[in-house]
């Protein structure tokens, strides 16, 4: 699959490069990530970017921030560029600490995971907003790849299950992964209002964590897969009480 990468190469030695962090002064409104990416000719190659070295990821993310700041095609980024910048700064600080102790490695790993999670959501926003139009997509600063041929509607995700998280008011949902799915849409409702479904931001993985739920309340969760031809039907609901 041919990849068009707009980010420049960077040295793997982050400490030696003294990466400069540009502080964004633009105030942006919060927007909910769209839940259904439309079919398009081009797609963001987010997987290649998120697996890159620390140095390359830092440089590429600065390219993305610069490209999306003041970009009329992306008026309401979700997450906001301010959130991305804050997480990026924390990640860079952890990388530049340059210590090989177990604690330092753990902190660096945690900061990278938090930062790339936000960057993945921003990529989803850019993908949906661009509609797969290659020039608009590339104006986001993200690398792009040629899109796949359209396929028929996806199957409903199978084996949806819920389990309680480690903290109060948390439920973790999983379903079987579908090879042709580019994202997963999630909704939840309470047992008292089973038809009042509430949408949450989509995920790229076949997993979602629901937080801030009311202990002692029965919750219902459903999921659908999204591919180049659109979303599948919704799955049957999985039910579990939050504690």
Protein backbone atom coordinates (compact mmCIF):
# COMPACT_ATOMS: atom_id res chain seq x y z
CA UNK A 1 0.00 0.00 0.00
CA UNK A 2 1.55 3.28 -1.10
CA UNK A 3 2.10 5.82 1.68
CA UNK A 4 2.44 9.59 1.25
CA UNK A 5 4.09 10.97 4.41
CA UNK A 6 4.20 14.73 4.91
CA UNK A 7 6.39 14.62 8.03
CA UNK A 8 10.17 15.12 7.79
CA UNK A 9 12.78 12.69 9.07
CA UNK A 10 14.20 13.40 12.49
CA UNK A 11 17.17 12.10 14.42
CA UNK A 12 16.45 9.38 16.93
CA UNK A 13 18.39 11.25 19.59
CA UNK A 14 15.70 13.54 20.99
CA UNK A 15 17.96 14.98 23.68
CA UNK A 16 20.49 16.13 21.11
CA UNK A 17 17.97 17.89 18.94
CA UNK A 18 16.50 20.12 21.68
CA UNK A 19 13.05 19.86 20.15
CA UNK A 20 11.33 23.24 20.36
CA UNK A 21 7.73 23.34 21.46
CA UNK A 22 5.52 25.95 19.79
CA UNK A 23 2.89 27.28 22.17
CA UNK A 24 -0.46 27.72 20.42
CA UNK A 25 -2.38 30.88 21.32
CA UNK A 26 -5.50 30.07 19.31
CA UNK A 27 -8.54 29.35 21.46
CA UNK A 28 -10.64 26.52 20.06
CA UNK A 29 -14.06 25.24 21.04
CA UNK A 30 -14.61 21.68 22.18
CA UNK A 31 -16.31 19.39 19.67
CA UNK A 32 -17.50 15.81 19.92
CA UNK A 33 -15.72 13.41 17.58
CA UNK A 34 -18.04 12.47 14.67
CA UNK A 35 -19.16 8.88 14.95
CA UNK A 36 -19.44 7.80 11.30
CA UNK A 37 -16.51 8.41 8.96
CA UNK A 38 -17.77 8.67 5.36
CA UNK A 39 -16.25 6.63 2.55
CA UNK A 40 -13.37 8.41 0.84
CA UNK A 41 -10.56 7.97 -1.63
CA UNK A 42 -7.76 8.63 0.84
CA UNK A 43 -7.21 7.58 4.42
CA UNK A 44 -4.84 8.69 7.16
CA UNK A 45 -1.96 6.28 7.75
CA UNK A 46 -2.20 6.68 11.51
CA UNK A 47 -0.84 3.23 12.32
CA UNK A 48 2.52 3.98 10.69
CA UNK A 49 2.79 7.28 12.57
CA UNK A 50 1.95 5.96 16.03
CA UNK A 51 4.54 3.17 15.74
CA UNK A 52 7.34 5.58 14.79
CA UNK A 53 10.28 6.54 17.01
CA UNK A 54 9.87 9.12 19.76
CA UNK A 55 11.84 11.72 17.79
CA UNK A 56 9.90 11.23 14.55
CA UNK A 57 6.57 11.25 16.38
CA UNK A 58 7.46 14.51 18.11
CA UNK A 59 8.43 16.20 14.84
CA UNK A 60 5.44 14.80 12.93
CA UNK A 61 3.02 15.93 15.63
CA UNK A 62 4.42 19.47 15.47
CA UNK A 63 3.76 19.41 11.70
CA UNK A 64 0.17 18.37 12.39
CA UNK A 65 -0.37 21.06 15.02
CA UNK A 66 1.05 23.75 12.72
CA UNK A 67 -1.05 22.53 9.78
CA UNK A 68 -4.33 22.42 11.70
CA UNK A 69 -3.90 25.72 13.55
CA UNK A 70 -6.10 28.27 11.79
CA UNK A 71 -7.04 25.70 9.10
CA UNK A 72 -10.56 26.58 7.93
CA UNK A 73 -11.15 22.98 6.84
CA UNK A 74 -10.81 21.86 10.46
CA UNK A 75 -12.63 24.52 12.42
CA UNK A 76 -13.48 22.52 15.56
CA UNK A 77 -10.80 19.88 16.20
CA UNK A 78 -11.71 17.12 18.64
CA UNK A 79 -9.75 16.81 20.83
CA UNK A 80 -8.74 20.46 20.78
CA UNK A 81 -5.28 21.50 19.66
CA UNK A 82 -4.69 22.88 23.15
CA UNK A 83 -5.29 19.39 24.61
CA UNK A 84 -2.94 17.86 22.02
CA UNK A 85 -0.26 20.46 22.81
CA UNK A 86 -0.48 19.87 26.56
CA UNK A 87 -0.17 16.09 26.17
CA UNK A 88 2.67 16.54 23.68
CA UNK A 89 4.59 18.77 26.07
CA UNK A 90 4.29 16.19 28.85
CA UNK A 91 5.41 13.45 26.47
CA UNK A 92 8.45 15.47 25.32
CA UNK A 93 9.41 16.20 28.93
CA UNK A 94 9.33 12.48 29.71
CA UNK A 95 11.40 11.66 26.63
CA UNK A 96 13.95 14.39 27.35
CA UNK A 97 14.37 13.14 30.92
CA UNK A 98 16.47 10.45 29.27
CA UNK A 99 16.70 8.14 32.26
CA UNK A 100 16.75 4.37 31.94
CA UNK A 101 15.32 3.57 35.36
CA UNK A 102 12.15 1.51 35.49
CA UNK A 103 10.17 4.45 36.85
CA UNK A 104 11.40 6.77 34.09
CA UNK A 105 10.55 4.20 31.41
CA UNK A 106 7.09 3.73 32.90
CA UNK A 107 6.43 7.47 32.94
CA UNK A 108 7.64 7.81 29.36
CA UNK A 109 5.43 4.94 28.25
CA UNK A 110 2.39 6.38 30.04
CA UNK A 111 2.91 9.85 28.54
CA UNK A 112 3.34 8.41 25.05
CA UNK A 113 0.19 6.31 25.42
CA UNK A 114 -1.84 9.33 26.57
CA UNK A 115 -0.49 11.51 23.77
CA UNK A 116 -0.95 8.98 20.98
CA UNK A 117 -4.48 8.25 22.17
CA UNK A 118 -5.41 11.91 21.69
CA UNK A 119 -3.55 12.02 18.38
CA UNK A 120 -5.47 8.96 17.18
CA UNK A 121 -8.77 10.69 17.99
CA UNK A 122 -7.62 13.82 16.16
CA UNK A 123 -6.76 11.67 13.14
CA UNK A 124 -10.28 10.24 13.20
CA UNK A 125 -11.71 13.76 13.31
CA UNK A 126 -9.54 14.80 10.34
CA UNK A 127 -10.53 11.68 8.39
CA UNK A 128 -14.23 12.29 8.88
CA UNK A 129 -14.05 16.04 8.29
CA UNK A 130 -11.99 15.70 5.10
CA UNK A 131 -14.46 13.22 3.62
CA UNK A 132 -11.49 11.34 2.15
CA UNK A 133 -10.59 14.26 -0.12
CA UNK A 134 -6.81 13.92 -0.50
CA UNK A 135 -5.83 17.64 -0.68
CA UNK A 136 -8.01 18.48 2.34
CA UNK A 137 -6.75 15.45 4.24
CA UNK A 138 -3.10 16.33 3.57
CA UNK A 139 -3.72 19.91 4.69
CA UNK A 140 -4.18 18.46 8.20
CA UNK A 141 -0.51 17.52 8.32
CA UNK A 142 -1.30 13.83 8.80
CA UNK A 143 0.31 11.28 6.46
CA UNK A 144 -2.11 9.65 4.04
CA UNK A 145 -2.41 6.40 2.18
CA UNK A 146 -4.40 5.42 -0.87
CA UNK A 147 -7.81 4.12 0.10
CA UNK A 148 -9.02 0.60 -0.37
CA UNK A 149 -11.76 -0.40 -2.74
CA UNK A 150 -15.23 -0.10 -1.30
CA UNK A 151 -16.62 -3.23 0.25
CA UNK A 152 -20.17 -4.11 1.14
CA UNK A 153 -21.73 -3.40 4.53
CA UNK A 154 -19.84 -4.92 7.41
CA UNK A 155 -21.14 -7.66 9.65
CA UNK A 156 -22.44 -6.70 13.06
CA UNK A 157 -19.60 -6.95 15.62
CA UNK A 158 -19.86 -10.23 17.48
CA UNK A 159 -19.27 -11.26 21.08
CA UNK A 160 -19.88 -7.90 22.72
CA UNK A 161 -19.15 -8.19 26.44
CA UNK A 162 -18.79 -5.89 29.42
CA UNK A 163 -16.68 -6.01 32.55
CA UNK A 164 -16.20 -3.62 35.44
CA UNK A 165 -13.07 -1.48 35.53
CA UNK A 166 -10.68 -0.99 38.41
CA UNK A 167 -12.33 2.23 39.58
CA UNK A 168 -15.89 2.99 40.57
CA UNK A 169 -18.26 3.95 37.77
CA UNK A 170 -16.20 2.33 35.02
CA UNK A 171 -17.28 -0.30 32.48
CA UNK A 172 -15.04 -1.76 29.78
CA UNK A 173 -16.65 -2.98 26.56
CA UNK A 174 -15.06 -5.29 23.99
CA UNK A 175 -16.21 -6.99 20.81
CA UNK A 176 -14.57 -9.17 18.18
CA UNK A 177 -12.39 -7.22 15.74
CA UNK A 178 -13.51 -6.96 12.12
CA UNK A 179 -10.69 -6.82 9.56
CA UNK A 180 -12.45 -4.31 7.29
CA UNK A 181 -13.52 -1.98 10.10
CA UNK A 182 -11.80 1.41 10.30
CA UNK A 183 -13.61 2.45 13.50
CA UNK A 184 -16.24 1.39 16.01
CA UNK A 185 -19.23 3.47 17.12
CA UNK A 186 -20.48 3.03 20.68
CA UNK A 187 -23.70 3.90 22.48
CA UNK A 188 -24.99 3.30 25.98
CA UNK A 189 -28.30 3.59 27.81
CA UNK A 190 -29.56 2.84 31.30
CA UNK A 191 -31.88 0.03 32.21
CA UNK A 192 -34.46 2.65 33.26
CA UNK A 193 -34.38 4.31 29.80
CA UNK A 194 -33.39 1.49 27.44
CA UNK A 195 -34.31 3.35 24.23
CA UNK A 196 -32.51 6.61 25.07
CA UNK A 197 -29.18 5.75 23.50
CA UNK A 198 -26.26 8.11 24.11
CA UNK A 199 -23.36 8.20 21.62
CA UNK A 200 -19.74 8.52 22.71
CA UNK A 201 -16.61 9.19 20.61
CA UNK A 202 -15.69 6.39 18.22
CA UNK A 203 -12.64 4.19 18.74
CA UNK A 204 -10.20 2.61 16.31
CA UNK A 205 -9.92 -0.50 18.47
CA UNK A 206 -12.72 -2.96 19.20
CA UNK A 207 -12.76 -1.74 22.78
CA UNK A 208 -14.10 1.22 24.74
CA UNK A 209 -13.98 2.32 28.37
CA UNK A 210 -17.00 4.10 29.82
CA UNK A 211 -16.22 6.27 32.84
CA UNK A 212 -18.21 8.46 35.22
CA UNK A 213 -21.12 6.02 35.40
CA UNK A 214 -23.47 5.95 38.36
CA UNK A 215 -22.77 3.05 40.75
CA UNK A 216 -25.76 0.79 41.27
CA UNK A 217 -27.18 1.64 37.82
CA UNK A 218 -27.75 -1.00 35.17
CA UNK A 219 -26.18 0.00 31.85
CA UNK A 220 -26.71 -1.27 28.32
CA UNK A 221 -23.98 -0.92 25.66
CA UNK A 222 -24.10 -1.57 21.92
CA UNK A 223 -21.57 -1.21 19.10
CA UNK A 224 -21.39 -1.06 15.33
CA UNK A 225 -18.43 -1.32 12.96
CA UNK A 226 -17.62 1.38 10.41
CA UNK A 227 -15.98 0.63 7.06
CA UNK A 228 -15.48 2.34 3.71
CA UNK A 229 -19.07 1.60 2.72
CA UNK A 230 -20.50 2.97 5.97
CA UNK A 231 -21.55 1.48 9.31
CA UNK A 232 -22.93 -1.96 10.08
CA UNK A 233 -26.15 -2.50 11.98
CA UNK A 234 -26.01 -2.08 15.74
CA UNK A 235 -25.18 -5.13 17.82
CA UNK A 236 -27.42 -6.57 20.46
CA UNK A 237 -26.87 -4.81 23.79
CA UNK A 238 -24.65 -6.14 26.56
CA UNK A 239 -25.82 -5.30 30.08
CA UNK A 240 -23.99 -4.88 33.36
CA UNK A 241 -24.42 -2.87 36.57
CA UNK A 242 -21.81 -0.25 37.40
CA UNK A 243 -20.35 -0.37 40.91
